[in-house]
């Protein structure tokens, strides 16, 4: 199964949104402006987004991105 695994090339804005969301939800939780249940849920979602972007950086095929950049 892992031999057929292909990671999707994700944009840098996806990575930025994951980091920003993770930090903001942690800060809002720390200062008591966000319910702990919501804070954990938001941090879990943004943490999964962060892991997905790291996997995308590591495993995504560069050829697909280069094909998108070529002008026709």
N, C-alpha and C. Protein backbone atom coordinates (compact mmCIF):
# COMPACT_ATOMS: atom_id res chain seq x y z
N UNK A 1 0.81 -1.19 0.00
CA UNK A 1 0.00 0.00 0.00
C UNK A 1 0.86 1.26 0.00
N UNK A 2 1.94 1.27 0.74
CA UNK A 2 2.79 2.45 0.79
C UNK A 2 3.59 2.64 -0.48
N UNK A 3 3.71 1.61 -1.29
CA UNK A 3 4.45 1.75 -2.54
C UNK A 3 3.68 2.62 -3.53
N UNK A 4 2.35 2.64 -3.42
CA UNK A 4 1.54 3.43 -4.33
C UNK A 4 1.19 4.80 -3.76
N UNK A 5 1.68 5.14 -2.60
CA UNK A 5 1.35 6.40 -1.95
C UNK A 5 1.96 7.57 -2.70
N UNK A 6 1.13 8.55 -3.04
CA UNK A 6 1.60 9.78 -3.69
C UNK A 6 1.05 10.96 -2.94
N UNK A 7 1.90 11.83 -2.51
CA UNK A 7 1.48 13.02 -1.77
C UNK A 7 1.11 14.12 -2.75
N UNK A 8 0.10 14.87 -2.40
CA UNK A 8 -0.33 15.99 -3.24
C UNK A 8 0.56 17.20 -2.97
N UNK A 9 0.93 17.92 -4.00
CA UNK A 9 1.71 19.15 -3.76
C UNK A 9 0.80 20.24 -3.19
N UNK A 10 1.07 20.66 -1.98
CA UNK A 10 0.26 21.68 -1.32
C UNK A 10 0.97 23.03 -1.41
N UNK A 11 0.19 24.08 -1.40
CA UNK A 11 0.76 25.42 -1.54
C UNK A 11 1.38 25.89 -0.23
N UNK A 12 2.17 26.93 -0.35
CA UNK A 12 2.80 27.49 0.84
C UNK A 12 1.80 28.24 1.71
N UNK A 13 0.71 28.71 1.12
CA UNK A 13 -0.32 29.38 1.92
C UNK A 13 -1.04 28.38 2.82
N UNK A 14 -1.15 27.12 2.40
CA UNK A 14 -1.72 26.07 3.24
C UNK A 14 -0.84 25.86 4.47
N UNK A 15 0.47 25.83 4.26
CA UNK A 15 1.43 25.68 5.36
C UNK A 15 1.35 26.87 6.31
N UNK A 16 1.26 28.07 5.76
CA UNK A 16 1.17 29.28 6.56
C UNK A 16 -0.12 29.30 7.38
N UNK A 17 -1.23 28.89 6.77
CA UNK A 17 -2.51 28.85 7.48
C UNK A 17 -2.48 27.84 8.62
N UNK A 18 -1.79 26.73 8.41
CA UNK A 18 -1.68 25.72 9.46
C UNK A 18 -0.88 26.25 10.65
N UNK A 19 0.23 26.90 10.38
CA UNK A 19 1.05 27.44 11.48
C UNK A 19 0.31 28.56 12.20
N UNK A 20 -0.28 29.47 11.43
CA UNK A 20 -0.98 30.59 12.03
C UNK A 20 -2.18 30.12 12.85
N UNK A 21 -2.95 29.18 12.33
CA UNK A 21 -4.10 28.66 13.07
C UNK A 21 -3.69 27.93 14.33
N UNK A 22 -2.62 27.18 14.25
CA UNK A 22 -2.13 26.46 15.43
C UNK A 22 -1.67 27.42 16.51
N UNK A 23 -0.92 28.43 16.12
CA UNK A 23 -0.44 29.41 17.09
C UNK A 23 -1.57 30.25 17.69
N UNK A 24 -2.48 30.70 16.85
CA UNK A 24 -3.58 31.52 17.35
C UNK A 24 -4.51 30.75 18.28
N UNK A 25 -4.81 29.52 17.93
CA UNK A 25 -5.69 28.74 18.81
C UNK A 25 -4.98 28.43 20.13
N UNK A 26 -3.68 28.22 20.11
CA UNK A 26 -2.95 27.99 21.36
C UNK A 26 -2.91 29.26 22.21
N UNK A 27 -2.71 30.41 21.56
CA UNK A 27 -2.69 31.67 22.30
C UNK A 27 -4.06 32.03 22.87
N UNK A 28 -5.10 31.84 22.09
CA UNK A 28 -6.45 32.11 22.59
C UNK A 28 -6.80 31.19 23.75
N UNK A 29 -6.35 29.95 23.70
CA UNK A 29 -6.59 29.03 24.81
C UNK A 29 -5.80 29.47 26.05
N UNK A 30 -4.57 29.87 25.84
CA UNK A 30 -3.72 30.26 26.96
C UNK A 30 -4.27 31.48 27.70
N UNK A 31 -4.79 32.44 26.96
CA UNK A 31 -5.31 33.65 27.58
C UNK A 31 -6.78 33.55 27.96
N UNK A 32 -7.39 32.37 27.81
CA UNK A 32 -8.74 32.13 28.28
C UNK A 32 -9.84 32.70 27.41
N UNK A 33 -9.55 33.02 26.17
CA UNK A 33 -10.58 33.57 25.29
C UNK A 33 -11.28 32.50 24.46
N UNK A 34 -10.85 31.26 24.59
CA UNK A 34 -11.42 30.18 23.81
C UNK A 34 -11.70 29.00 24.74
N UNK A 35 -12.87 28.42 24.58
CA UNK A 35 -13.27 27.26 25.35
C UNK A 35 -12.24 26.13 25.14
N UNK A 36 -11.84 25.43 26.20
CA UNK A 36 -10.82 24.37 26.03
C UNK A 36 -11.22 23.28 25.04
N UNK A 37 -12.50 22.95 24.95
CA UNK A 37 -12.92 21.94 23.98
C UNK A 37 -12.70 22.42 22.55
N UNK A 38 -13.07 23.67 22.29
CA UNK A 38 -12.85 24.23 20.96
C UNK A 38 -11.36 24.40 20.67
N UNK A 39 -10.60 24.77 21.67
CA UNK A 39 -9.17 24.97 21.48
C UNK A 39 -8.48 23.67 21.08
N UNK A 40 -8.84 22.59 21.75
CA UNK A 40 -8.23 21.29 21.41
C UNK A 40 -8.66 20.87 20.01
N UNK A 41 -9.93 21.11 19.67
CA UNK A 41 -10.40 20.74 18.33
C UNK A 41 -9.68 21.55 17.25
N UNK A 42 -9.55 22.85 17.46
CA UNK A 42 -8.86 23.69 16.49
C UNK A 42 -7.39 23.31 16.38
N UNK A 43 -6.73 23.08 17.51
CA UNK A 43 -5.32 22.70 17.47
C UNK A 43 -5.13 21.34 16.80
N UNK A 44 -6.08 20.44 16.97
CA UNK A 44 -5.99 19.14 16.30
C UNK A 44 -6.12 19.30 14.79
N UNK A 45 -7.09 20.09 14.34
CA UNK A 45 -7.27 20.30 12.90
C UNK A 45 -6.06 20.99 12.29
N UNK A 46 -5.59 22.06 12.91
CA UNK A 46 -4.44 22.77 12.37
C UNK A 46 -3.15 21.95 12.50
N UNK A 47 -3.06 21.11 13.50
CA UNK A 47 -1.91 20.21 13.63
C UNK A 47 -1.88 19.18 12.50
N UNK A 48 -3.05 18.66 12.16
CA UNK A 48 -3.13 17.71 11.04
C UNK A 48 -2.79 18.41 9.73
N UNK A 49 -3.25 19.65 9.57
CA UNK A 49 -2.87 20.42 8.38
C UNK A 49 -1.36 20.63 8.31
N UNK A 50 -0.74 20.91 9.45
CA UNK A 50 0.70 21.11 9.51
C UNK A 50 1.45 19.83 9.12
N UNK A 51 1.02 18.70 9.66
CA UNK A 51 1.66 17.43 9.32
C UNK A 51 1.49 17.12 7.83
N UNK A 52 0.31 17.40 7.29
CA UNK A 52 0.08 17.17 5.86
C UNK A 52 0.98 18.04 5.00
N UNK A 53 1.21 19.27 5.41
CA UNK A 53 2.09 20.13 4.62
C UNK A 53 3.54 19.69 4.72
N UNK A 54 3.95 19.17 5.87
CA UNK A 54 5.32 18.64 6.00
C UNK A 54 5.49 17.41 5.12
N UNK A 55 4.50 16.52 5.11
CA UNK A 55 4.57 15.34 4.23
C UNK A 55 4.59 15.77 2.78
N UNK A 56 3.82 16.78 2.44
CA UNK A 56 3.80 17.27 1.07
C UNK A 56 5.15 17.83 0.66
N UNK A 57 5.82 18.53 1.56
CA UNK A 57 7.15 19.05 1.24
C UNK A 57 8.16 17.93 1.04
N UNK A 58 7.98 16.87 1.80
CA UNK A 58 8.95 15.78 1.76
C UNK A 58 8.71 14.83 0.59
N UNK A 59 7.45 14.53 0.28
CA UNK A 59 7.15 13.45 -0.65
C UNK A 59 6.51 13.84 -1.97
N UNK A 60 6.04 15.07 -2.11
CA UNK A 60 5.31 15.45 -3.32
C UNK A 60 6.23 15.46 -4.53
N UNK A 61 5.73 14.98 -5.67
CA UNK A 61 6.55 15.01 -6.88
C UNK A 61 6.71 16.44 -7.41
N UNK A 62 7.92 16.83 -7.66
CA UNK A 62 8.21 18.19 -8.10
C UNK A 62 7.78 18.39 -9.55
N UNK A 63 7.75 17.34 -10.33
CA UNK A 63 7.41 17.46 -11.74
C UNK A 63 6.01 18.01 -11.94
N UNK A 64 5.06 17.64 -11.07
CA UNK A 64 3.69 18.14 -11.19
C UNK A 64 3.63 19.65 -10.97
N UNK A 65 4.42 20.14 -10.05
CA UNK A 65 4.45 21.58 -9.78
C UNK A 65 5.10 22.32 -10.95
N UNK A 66 6.16 21.75 -11.51
CA UNK A 66 6.85 22.39 -12.61
C UNK A 66 5.97 22.43 -13.87
N UNK A 67 5.13 21.42 -14.06
CA UNK A 67 4.21 21.42 -15.20
C UNK A 67 3.20 22.55 -15.09
N UNK A 68 2.78 22.87 -13.88
CA UNK A 68 1.83 23.95 -13.67
C UNK A 68 2.46 25.31 -13.94
N UNK A 69 3.76 25.43 -13.72
CA UNK A 69 4.44 26.71 -13.90
C UNK A 69 4.78 27.03 -15.36
N UNK A 70 4.80 26.01 -16.22
CA UNK A 70 5.16 26.26 -17.62
C UNK A 70 4.07 27.04 -18.32
N UNK A 71 4.49 28.05 -19.06
CA UNK A 71 3.55 28.84 -19.85
C UNK A 71 3.34 28.17 -21.20
N UNK A 72 2.11 28.21 -21.64
CA UNK A 72 1.81 27.55 -22.92
C UNK A 72 1.60 28.55 -24.01
